[in-house]
Amino acid sequence: MLPWRTVAHNADLLLAINSRATPAAHPDPRELLAEVGLDEFVDAFPHELSGGMQQRVALVRAFALGAPVVLMDEPFAALDEITRAEMRSLLARLLDRHPATVVFVTHSIGEAVFLSDRVLVCSRRPAHIVADVPVPIPRPRREGIEDSDEYAALCVALRHHLREAMQR
């Protein structure tokens, strides 16, 4: 986020930069800010927000473009476990309302299972795909799914694939 721009102006930053490439039917950044619980912070600056709030602005910025594909490289890695779980649920709800293909890089097995329809396990450098694991857990997925047998079995299978990949 740009420190001299308010939350509202950071949320629509990519729209301003990519105005010609943005679909006409893109979501309104202010409505997205309300969806993620930041409607009371539209005039705040980044230094006035918590890390989780800053990540919510980043999600809004990504989804405001209305792009069919969103790339996310460990977006929740710096967050504490509780905030990280909240962000996973928030991302899942955003995807329910604003469908997109998300390429999500994570080192968290649980996060991968919670968010994905398919998990690709990569090897060490040079990286290549060593496993392609479907996640057949029905959507919508919400907190509490982590207690299911299906979720636990998928986590065990992915952990096994990761161990194999690290030994190669």
N, C-alpha and C. Protein backbone atom coordinates (compact mmCIF):
# COMPACT_ATOMS: atom_id res chain seq x y z
N MET A 1 0.84 -1.18 0.00
CA MET A 1 0.00 0.00 0.00
C MET A 1 0.88 1.23 0.00
N LEU A 2 0.40 2.24 -0.67
CA LEU A 2 1.14 3.50 -0.70
C LEU A 2 0.79 4.30 0.56
N PRO A 3 1.79 4.66 1.36
CA PRO A 3 1.52 5.27 2.66
C PRO A 3 0.85 6.64 2.59
N TRP A 4 0.94 7.34 1.48
CA TRP A 4 0.35 8.67 1.37
C TRP A 4 -1.07 8.64 0.82
N ARG A 5 -1.57 7.45 0.50
CA ARG A 5 -2.93 7.32 -0.03
C ARG A 5 -3.83 6.72 1.05
N THR A 6 -5.08 7.16 1.07
CA THR A 6 -6.05 6.61 2.02
C THR A 6 -6.42 5.18 1.61
N VAL A 7 -7.15 4.51 2.48
CA VAL A 7 -7.62 3.16 2.19
C VAL A 7 -8.41 3.16 0.88
N ALA A 8 -9.34 4.10 0.74
CA ALA A 8 -10.16 4.15 -0.48
C ALA A 8 -9.30 4.35 -1.72
N HIS A 9 -8.32 5.24 -1.64
CA HIS A 9 -7.47 5.49 -2.80
C HIS A 9 -6.50 4.34 -3.07
N ASN A 10 -6.07 3.64 -2.03
CA ASN A 10 -5.25 2.44 -2.24
C ASN A 10 -6.10 1.33 -2.86
N ALA A 11 -7.37 1.23 -2.44
CA ALA A 11 -8.25 0.18 -2.96
C ALA A 11 -8.50 0.33 -4.46
N ASP A 12 -8.57 1.56 -4.94
CA ASP A 12 -8.82 1.74 -6.38
C ASP A 12 -7.57 2.08 -7.18
N LEU A 13 -6.41 1.89 -6.57
CA LEU A 13 -5.14 2.20 -7.23
C LEU A 13 -4.96 1.45 -8.55
N LEU A 14 -5.18 0.13 -8.53
CA LEU A 14 -4.97 -0.65 -9.74
C LEU A 14 -5.99 -0.31 -10.82
N LEU A 15 -7.19 0.09 -10.40
CA LEU A 15 -8.19 0.53 -11.38
C LEU A 15 -7.72 1.78 -12.09
N ALA A 16 -7.13 2.70 -11.33
CA ALA A 16 -6.63 3.94 -11.94
C ALA A 16 -5.48 3.65 -12.90
N ILE A 17 -4.61 2.74 -12.51
CA ILE A 17 -3.45 2.41 -13.35
C ILE A 17 -3.86 1.63 -14.59
N ASN A 18 -4.82 0.71 -14.44
CA ASN A 18 -5.23 -0.19 -15.53
C ASN A 18 -6.60 0.15 -16.10
N SER A 19 -6.95 1.41 -16.16
CA SER A 19 -8.31 1.77 -16.54
C SER A 19 -8.74 1.20 -17.89
N ARG A 20 -7.85 1.15 -18.86
CA ARG A 20 -8.23 0.64 -20.18
C ARG A 20 -8.38 -0.88 -20.19
N ALA A 21 -7.66 -1.57 -19.34
CA ALA A 21 -7.69 -3.03 -19.33
C ALA A 21 -8.73 -3.60 -18.36
N THR A 22 -9.39 -2.74 -17.59
CA THR A 22 -10.34 -3.19 -16.58
C THR A 22 -11.71 -3.42 -17.21
N PRO A 23 -12.34 -4.58 -16.96
CA PRO A 23 -13.67 -4.82 -17.51
C PRO A 23 -14.68 -3.79 -17.00
N ALA A 24 -15.66 -3.48 -17.83
CA ALA A 24 -16.66 -2.48 -17.46
C ALA A 24 -17.46 -2.92 -16.24
N ALA A 25 -17.63 -4.21 -16.06
CA ALA A 25 -18.45 -4.73 -14.96
C ALA A 25 -17.61 -5.12 -13.74
N HIS A 26 -16.55 -4.39 -13.47
CA HIS A 26 -15.72 -4.70 -12.30
C HIS A 26 -16.43 -4.31 -11.02
N PRO A 27 -16.12 -4.99 -9.90
CA PRO A 27 -16.74 -4.64 -8.62
C PRO A 27 -16.31 -3.24 -8.15
N ASP A 28 -17.19 -2.56 -7.44
CA ASP A 28 -16.89 -1.24 -6.90
C ASP A 28 -16.00 -1.40 -5.67
N PRO A 29 -14.82 -0.76 -5.66
CA PRO A 29 -13.91 -0.89 -4.51
C PRO A 29 -14.55 -0.52 -3.17
N ARG A 30 -15.41 0.50 -3.16
CA ARG A 30 -16.04 0.90 -1.89
C ARG A 30 -17.00 -0.18 -1.38
N GLU A 31 -17.69 -0.84 -2.30
CA GLU A 31 -18.57 -1.94 -1.90
C GLU A 31 -17.74 -3.12 -1.38
N LEU A 32 -16.61 -3.38 -2.03
CA LEU A 32 -15.72 -4.44 -1.56
C LEU A 32 -15.15 -4.11 -0.18
N LEU A 33 -14.81 -2.84 0.04
CA LEU A 33 -14.31 -2.43 1.36
C LEU A 33 -15.37 -2.71 2.43
N ALA A 34 -16.63 -2.46 2.10
CA ALA A 34 -17.71 -2.76 3.05
C ALA A 34 -17.82 -4.27 3.27
N GLU A 35 -17.67 -5.06 2.20
CA GLU A 35 -17.74 -6.53 2.31
C GLU A 35 -16.68 -7.08 3.25
N VAL A 36 -15.51 -6.44 3.26
CA VAL A 36 -14.42 -6.94 4.11
C VAL A 36 -14.36 -6.21 5.45
N GLY A 37 -15.38 -5.40 5.75
CA GLY A 37 -15.47 -4.76 7.06
C GLY A 37 -14.63 -3.52 7.24
N LEU A 38 -14.27 -2.86 6.14
CA LEU A 38 -13.43 -1.66 6.25
C LEU A 38 -14.15 -0.39 5.82
N ASP A 39 -15.46 -0.43 5.75
CA ASP A 39 -16.20 0.76 5.30
C ASP A 39 -16.01 1.95 6.23
N GLU A 40 -15.69 1.72 7.49
CA GLU A 40 -15.46 2.83 8.42
C GLU A 40 -14.02 3.35 8.37
N PHE A 41 -13.19 2.73 7.53
CA PHE A 41 -11.77 3.11 7.47
C PHE A 41 -11.36 3.65 6.10
N VAL A 42 -12.32 4.04 5.27
CA VAL A 42 -11.99 4.47 3.91
C VAL A 42 -11.08 5.70 3.89
N ASP A 43 -11.15 6.54 4.91
CA ASP A 43 -10.32 7.74 4.95
C ASP A 43 -9.06 7.58 5.79
N ALA A 44 -8.82 6.37 6.29
CA ALA A 44 -7.62 6.10 7.09
C ALA A 44 -6.42 5.89 6.18
N PHE A 45 -5.24 6.04 6.75
CA PHE A 45 -3.99 5.80 6.02
C PHE A 45 -3.41 4.46 6.48
N PRO A 46 -2.56 3.85 5.66
CA PRO A 46 -2.03 2.52 5.98
C PRO A 46 -1.43 2.40 7.38
N HIS A 47 -0.73 3.43 7.85
CA HIS A 47 -0.09 3.32 9.17
C HIS A 47 -1.12 3.26 10.30
N GLU A 48 -2.37 3.56 10.01
CA GLU A 48 -3.42 3.52 11.02
C GLU A 48 -4.13 2.15 11.06
N LEU A 49 -3.71 1.23 10.21
CA LEU A 49 -4.36 -0.07 10.10
C LEU A 49 -3.49 -1.18 10.67
N SER A 50 -4.14 -2.23 11.14
CA SER A 50 -3.41 -3.44 11.56
C SER A 50 -2.94 -4.19 10.32
N GLY A 51 -2.09 -5.19 10.52
CA GLY A 51 -1.62 -6.00 9.40
C GLY A 51 -2.76 -6.71 8.68
N GLY A 52 -3.71 -7.23 9.45
CA GLY A 52 -4.87 -7.90 8.85
C GLY A 52 -5.72 -6.95 8.03
N MET A 53 -5.89 -5.73 8.53
CA MET A 53 -6.66 -4.72 7.79
C MET A 53 -5.95 -4.35 6.49
N GLN A 54 -4.64 -4.23 6.55
CA GLN A 54 -3.87 -3.93 5.34
C GLN A 54 -4.02 -5.06 4.32
N GLN A 55 -4.04 -6.29 4.79
CA GLN A 55 -4.23 -7.43 3.88
C GLN A 55 -5.62 -7.41 3.26
N ARG A 56 -6.62 -6.97 4.02
CA ARG A 56 -7.97 -6.86 3.46
C ARG A 56 -8.02 -5.82 2.36
N VAL A 57 -7.30 -4.71 2.54
CA VAL A 57 -7.24 -3.70 1.47
C VAL A 57 -6.57 -4.30 0.24
N ALA A 58 -5.53 -5.09 0.44
CA ALA A 58 -4.85 -5.73 -0.69
C ALA A 58 -5.80 -6.68 -1.43
N LEU A 59 -6.64 -7.42 -0.68
CA LEU A 59 -7.64 -8.28 -1.32
C LEU A 59 -8.63 -7.47 -2.13
N VAL A 60 -9.10 -6.38 -1.55
CA VAL A 60 -10.03 -5.50 -2.27
C VAL A 60 -9.40 -5.00 -3.55
N ARG A 61 -8.16 -4.56 -3.46
CA ARG A 61 -7.45 -4.03 -4.63
C ARG A 61 -7.39 -5.10 -5.73
N ALA A 62 -7.11 -6.33 -5.35
CA ALA A 62 -7.01 -7.42 -6.34
C ALA A 62 -8.37 -7.73 -6.96
N PHE A 63 -9.42 -7.81 -6.14
CA PHE A 63 -10.73 -8.18 -6.65
C PHE A 63 -11.44 -7.02 -7.36
N ALA A 64 -11.06 -5.79 -7.07
CA ALA A 64 -11.69 -4.63 -7.71
C ALA A 64 -11.45 -4.61 -9.21
N LEU A 65 -10.38 -5.21 -9.65
CA LEU A 65 -10.08 -5.25 -11.09
C LEU A 65 -11.06 -6.12 -11.86
N GLY A 66 -11.71 -7.05 -11.17
CA GLY A 66 -12.60 -7.96 -11.86
C GLY A 66 -11.86 -8.92 -12.77
N ALA A 67 -10.59 -9.15 -12.47
CA ALA A 67 -9.76 -10.01 -13.31
C ALA A 67 -10.19 -11.47 -13.17
N PRO A 68 -10.10 -12.25 -14.25
CA PRO A 68 -10.48 -13.66 -14.16
C PRO A 68 -9.46 -14.51 -13.40
N VAL A 69 -8.21 -14.02 -13.30
CA VAL A 69 -7.15 -14.74 -12.60
C VAL A 69 -6.49 -13.79 -11.60
N VAL A 70 -6.33 -14.26 -10.37
CA VAL A 70 -5.68 -13.48 -9.32
C VAL A 70 -4.48 -14.29 -8.82
N LEU A 71 -3.30 -13.68 -8.82
CA LEU A 71 -2.09 -14.34 -8.33
C LEU A 71 -1.81 -13.86 -6.91
N MET A 72 -1.61 -14.80 -5.99
CA MET A 72 -1.37 -14.46 -4.59
C MET A 72 -0.18 -15.28 -4.09
N ASP A 73 0.90 -14.61 -3.77
CA ASP A 73 2.11 -15.28 -3.31
C ASP A 73 2.27 -15.10 -1.81
N GLU A 74 1.87 -16.08 -1.05
CA GLU A 74 1.93 -16.09 0.41
C GLU A 74 1.39 -14.80 1.04
N PRO A 75 0.16 -14.42 0.69
CA PRO A 75 -0.37 -13.15 1.18
C PRO A 75 -0.60 -13.10 2.69
N PHE A 76 -0.76 -14.25 3.33
CA PHE A 76 -1.08 -14.27 4.75
C PHE A 76 0.08 -14.72 5.62
N ALA A 77 1.25 -14.89 5.05
CA ALA A 77 2.40 -15.47 5.75
C ALA A 77 2.82 -14.65 6.98
N ALA A 78 2.69 -13.34 6.94
CA ALA A 78 3.16 -12.50 8.04
C ALA A 78 2.12 -12.31 9.14
N LEU A 79 0.96 -12.94 8.99
CA LEU A 79 -0.11 -12.74 9.95
C LEU A 79 -0.08 -13.80 11.04
N ASP A 80 -0.61 -13.44 12.23
CA ASP A 80 -0.73 -14.43 13.30
C ASP A 80 -1.78 -15.46 12.91
N GLU A 81 -1.81 -16.59 13.59
CA GLU A 81 -2.65 -17.73 13.19
C GLU A 81 -4.14 -17.39 13.18
N ILE A 82 -4.61 -16.64 14.17
CA ILE A 82 -6.04 -16.29 14.23
C ILE A 82 -6.40 -15.38 13.06
N THR A 83 -5.61 -14.35 12.82
CA THR A 83 -5.88 -13.43 11.71
C THR A 83 -5.77 -14.17 10.38
N ARG A 84 -4.81 -15.06 10.30
CA ARG A 84 -4.62 -15.84 9.07
C ARG A 84 -5.87 -16.67 8.77
N ALA A 85 -6.44 -17.31 9.79
CA ALA A 85 -7.67 -18.10 9.61
C ALA A 85 -8.83 -17.20 9.19
N GLU A 86 -8.92 -16.02 9.79
CA GLU A 86 -9.96 -15.07 9.40
C GLU A 86 -9.80 -14.65 7.94
N MET A 87 -8.56 -14.43 7.52
CA MET A 87 -8.30 -14.02 6.13
C MET A 87 -8.63 -15.15 5.16
N ARG A 88 -8.35 -16.39 5.54
CA ARG A 88 -8.72 -17.53 4.69
C ARG A 88 -10.23 -17.54 4.47
N SER A 89 -10.98 -17.39 5.55
CA SER A 89 -12.45 -17.40 5.45
C SER A 89 -12.94 -16.22 4.63
N LEU A 90 -12.32 -15.07 4.83
CA LEU A 90 -12.71 -13.88 4.07
C LEU A 90 -12.45 -14.09 2.58
N LEU A 91 -11.30 -14.62 2.23
CA LEU A 91 -10.99 -14.89 0.83
C LEU A 91 -11.99 -15.88 0.25
N ALA A 92 -12.34 -16.91 1.00
CA ALA A 92 -13.32 -17.89 0.52
C ALA A 92 -14.67 -17.22 0.26
N ARG A 93 -15.10 -16.32 1.15
CA ARG A 93 -16.37 -15.60 0.95
C ARG A 93 -16.29 -14.68 -0.26
N LEU A 94 -15.17 -13.98 -0.43
CA LEU A 94 -15.01 -13.11 -1.60
C LEU A 94 -15.10 -13.93 -2.89
N LEU A 95 -14.48 -15.10 -2.89
CA LEU A 95 -14.53 -15.95 -4.08
C LEU A 95 -15.93 -16.48 -4.34
N ASP A 96 -16.71 -16.70 -3.29
CA ASP A 96 -18.11 -17.10 -3.47
C ASP A 96 -18.88 -16.01 -4.21
N ARG A 97 -18.63 -14.76 -3.86
CA ARG A 97 -19.35 -13.61 -4.43
C ARG A 97 -18.75 -13.09 -5.72
N HIS A 98 -17.44 -13.22 -5.87
CA HIS A 98 -16.72 -12.68 -7.03
C HIS A 98 -15.82 -13.78 -7.58
N PRO A 99 -16.38 -14.74 -8.29
CA PRO A 99 -15.59 -15.89 -8.75
C PRO A 99 -14.38 -15.48 -9.60
N ALA A 100 -13.28 -16.13 -9.33
CA ALA A 100 -12.04 -15.93 -10.09
C ALA A 100 -11.19 -17.18 -9.87
N THR A 101 -10.27 -17.38 -10.78
CA THR A 101 -9.27 -18.42 -10.59
C THR A 101 -8.15 -17.79 -9.78
N VAL A 102 -7.78 -18.41 -8.68
CA VAL A 102 -6.71 -17.88 -7.84
C VAL A 102 -5.54 -18.86 -7.86
N VAL A 103 -4.38 -18.36 -8.22
CA VAL A 103 -3.15 -19.14 -8.09
C VAL A 103 -2.55 -18.68 -6.78
N PHE A 104 -2.58 -19.56 -5.79
CA PHE A 104 -2.26 -19.20 -4.41
C PHE A 104 -1.02 -19.97 -3.97
N VAL A 105 0.05 -19.28 -3.71
CA VAL A 105 1.28 -19.91 -3.24
C VAL A 105 1.28 -19.86 -1.71
N THR A 106 1.51 -21.01 -1.08
CA THR A 106 1.55 -21.07 0.37
C THR A 106 2.45 -22.21 0.82
N HIS A 107 2.98 -22.09 2.01
CA HIS A 107 3.72 -23.18 2.64
C HIS A 107 2.87 -23.85 3.71
N SER A 108 1.62 -23.43 3.83
CA SER A 108 0.71 -23.97 4.83
C SER A 108 -0.19 -25.04 4.19
N ILE A 109 -0.03 -26.27 4.63
CA ILE A 109 -0.83 -27.36 4.10
C ILE A 109 -2.32 -27.12 4.38
N GLY A 110 -2.64 -26.73 5.60
CA GLY A 110 -4.03 -26.48 5.96
C GLY A 110 -4.66 -25.38 5.13
N GLU A 111 -3.91 -24.32 4.91
CA GLU A 111 -4.38 -23.21 4.09
C GLU A 111 -4.66 -23.69 2.66
N ALA A 112 -3.76 -24.51 2.13
CA ALA A 112 -3.93 -25.03 0.77
C ALA A 112 -5.20 -25.86 0.67
N VAL A 113 -5.45 -26.73 1.63
CA VAL A 113 -6.64 -27.57 1.60
C VAL A 113 -7.90 -26.73 1.76
N PHE A 114 -7.88 -25.77 2.67
CA PHE A 114 -9.06 -24.94 2.92
C PHE A 114 -9.46 -24.13 1.69
N LEU A 115 -8.48 -23.57 0.99
CA LEU A 115 -8.78 -22.65 -0.10
C LEU A 115 -8.85 -23.28 -1.49
N SER A 116 -8.27 -24.44 -1.67
CA SER A 116 -8.06 -24.95 -3.03
C SER A 116 -9.09 -25.97 -3.48
N ASP A 117 -9.24 -26.03 -4.80
CA ASP A 117 -9.95 -27.12 -5.45
C ASP A 117 -8.94 -28.15 -5.92
N ARG A 118 -7.70 -27.71 -5.99
CA ARG A 118 -6.61 -28.55 -6.48
C ARG A 118 -5.31 -27.99 -5.91
N VAL A 119 -4.44 -28.88 -5.41
CA VAL A 119 -3.16 -28.45 -4.85
C VAL A 119 -2.04 -29.06 -5.69
N LEU A 120 -1.15 -28.20 -6.15
CA LEU A 120 0.03 -28.65 -6.88
C LEU A 120 1.21 -28.58 -5.91
N VAL A 121 1.87 -29.70 -5.71
CA VAL A 121 3.03 -29.77 -4.82
C VAL A 121 4.27 -29.65 -5.69
N CYS A 122 5.14 -28.71 -5.35
CA CYS A 122 6.35 -28.47 -6.14
C CYS A 122 7.58 -29.00 -5.42
N SER A 123 8.58 -29.35 -6.22
CA SER A 123 9.86 -29.82 -5.69
C SER A 123 10.74 -28.63 -5.34
N ARG A 124 11.93 -28.96 -4.84
CA ARG A 124 12.95 -27.93 -4.64
C ARG A 124 13.43 -27.46 -6.00
N ARG A 125 14.34 -26.52 -5.98
CA ARG A 125 14.89 -25.98 -7.23
C ARG A 125 15.64 -27.02 -8.02
N PRO A 126 15.53 -27.03 -9.30
CA PRO A 126 14.55 -26.25 -10.07
C PRO A 126 13.15 -26.83 -9.84
N ALA A 127 12.22 -25.98 -9.53
CA ALA A 127 10.88 -26.42 -9.16
C ALA A 127 10.15 -27.07 -10.32
N HIS A 128 9.53 -28.17 -10.00
CA HIS A 128 8.62 -28.82 -10.94
C HIS A 128 7.51 -29.48 -10.11
N ILE A 129 6.40 -29.75 -10.74
CA ILE A 129 5.25 -30.32 -10.04
C ILE A 129 5.49 -31.80 -9.80
N VAL A 130 5.38 -32.20 -8.52
CA VAL A 130 5.58 -33.61 -8.16
C VAL A 130 4.26 -34.29 -7.78
N ALA A 131 3.23 -33.51 -7.51
CA ALA A 131 1.92 -34.09 -7.20
C ALA A 131 0.83 -33.09 -7.54
N ASP A 132 -0.27 -33.61 -8.04
CA ASP A 132 -1.45 -32.82 -8.37
C ASP A 132 -2.60 -33.47 -7.60
N VAL A 133 -3.01 -32.83 -6.50
CA VAL A 133 -3.97 -33.44 -5.57
C VAL A 133 -5.30 -32.68 -5.63
N PRO A 134 -6.37 -33.34 -6.08
CA PRO A 134 -7.68 -32.68 -6.07
C PRO A 134 -8.20 -32.56 -4.63
N VAL A 135 -8.95 -31.49 -4.38
CA VAL A 135 -9.57 -31.27 -3.07
C VAL A 135 -11.08 -31.34 -3.27
N PRO A 136 -11.69 -32.52 -3.03
CA PRO A 136 -13.11 -32.71 -3.33
C PRO A 136 -14.07 -32.21 -2.24
N ILE A 137 -13.58 -31.47 -1.28
CA ILE A 137 -14.45 -30.96 -0.21
C ILE A 137 -15.40 -29.93 -0.82
N PRO A 138 -16.72 -30.11 -0.62
CA PRO A 138 -17.67 -29.19 -1.25
C PRO A 138 -17.56 -27.76 -0.73
N ARG A 139 -17.94 -26.84 -1.58
CA ARG A 139 -18.01 -25.42 -1.23
C ARG A 139 -19.45 -25.08 -0.93
N PRO A 140 -19.71 -24.07 -0.14
CA PRO A 140 -18.75 -23.17 0.49
C PRO A 140 -18.07 -23.84 1.68
N ARG A 141 -16.82 -23.47 1.85
CA ARG A 141 -16.02 -23.99 2.98
C ARG A 141 -15.93 -22.90 4.04
N ARG A 142 -16.15 -23.29 5.27
CA ARG A 142 -16.10 -22.33 6.37
C ARG A 142 -15.24 -22.88 7.50
N GLU A 143 -14.94 -22.02 8.47
CA GLU A 143 -14.19 -22.46 9.65
C GLU A 143 -14.91 -23.66 10.26
N GLY A 144 -14.16 -24.57 10.78
CA GLY A 144 -14.71 -25.79 11.35
C GLY A 144 -14.47 -26.99 10.44
N ILE A 145 -14.25 -26.72 9.16
CA ILE A 145 -13.96 -27.79 8.21
C ILE A 145 -12.69 -28.53 8.60
N GLU A 146 -11.80 -27.82 9.31
CA GLU A 146 -10.52 -28.40 9.71
C GLU A 146 -10.70 -29.61 10.64
N ASP A 147 -11.88 -29.75 11.21
CA ASP A 147 -12.14 -30.86 12.13
C ASP A 147 -12.66 -32.10 11.41
N SER A 148 -12.87 -32.01 10.10
CA SER A 148 -13.44 -33.15 9.36
C SER A 148 -12.36 -34.19 9.02
N ASP A 149 -12.80 -35.43 8.89
CA ASP A 149 -11.89 -36.52 8.53
C ASP A 149 -11.32 -36.32 7.13
N GLU A 150 -12.15 -35.83 6.22
CA GLU A 150 -11.71 -35.61 4.84
C GLU A 150 -10.58 -34.58 4.77
N TYR A 151 -10.74 -33.50 5.53
CA TYR A 151 -9.72 -32.45 5.59
C TYR A 151 -8.41 -33.03 6.15
N ALA A 152 -8.52 -33.77 7.24
CA ALA A 152 -7.33 -34.36 7.88
C ALA A 152 -6.62 -35.32 6.93
N ALA A 153 -7.39 -36.14 6.20
CA ALA A 153 -6.79 -37.10 5.27
C ALA A 153 -6.06 -36.38 4.14
N LEU A 154 -6.63 -35.30 3.64
CA LEU A 154 -5.96 -34.53 2.59
C LEU A 154 -4.67 -33.90 3.10
N CYS A 155 -4.70 -33.39 4.33
CA CYS A 155 -3.49 -32.80 4.92
C CYS A 155 -2.39 -33.86 5.06
N VAL A 156 -2.76 -35.05 5.48
CA VAL A 156 -1.78 -36.14 5.62
C VAL A 156 -1.20 -36.49 4.26
N ALA A 157 -2.05 -36.61 3.25
CA ALA A 157 -1.58 -36.95 1.90
C ALA A 157 -0.63 -35.88 1.37
N LEU A 158 -0.98 -34.62 1.56
CA LEU A 158 -0.11 -33.53 1.08
C LEU A 158 1.22 -33.51 1.83
N ARG A 159 1.18 -33.76 3.14
CA ARG A 159 2.41 -33.81 3.92
C ARG A 159 3.33 -34.92 3.39
N HIS A 160 2.74 -36.05 3.03
CA HIS A 160 3.50 -37.17 2.46
C HIS A 160 4.14 -36.74 1.13
N HIS A 161 3.38 -36.09 0.26
CA HIS A 161 3.92 -35.62 -1.02
C HIS A 161 5.05 -34.61 -0.81
N LEU A 162 4.88 -33.73 0.17
CA LEU A 162 5.93 -32.74 0.45
C LEU A 162 7.21 -33.40 0.94
N ARG A 163 7.07 -34.37 1.82
CA ARG A 163 8.26 -35.09 2.31
C ARG A 163 8.99 -35.77 1.16
N GLU A 164 8.23 -36.41 0.29
CA GLU A 164 8.84 -37.06 -0.88
C GLU A 164 9.56 -36.04 -1.75
N ALA A 165 8.92 -34.89 -1.97
CA ALA A 165 9.51 -33.85 -2.82
C ALA A 165 10.80 -33.31 -2.21
N MET A 166 10.85 -33.18 -0.89
CA MET A 166 12.04 -32.64 -0.24
C MET A 166 13.20 -33.64 -0.23
N GLN A 167 12.91 -34.91 -0.38
CA GLN A 167 13.95 -35.93 -0.39
C GLN A 167 14.56 -36.13 -1.77
N ARG A 168 13.96 -35.54 -2.77
CA ARG A 168 14.47 -35.70 -4.15
C ARG A 168 15.62 -34.77 -4.41
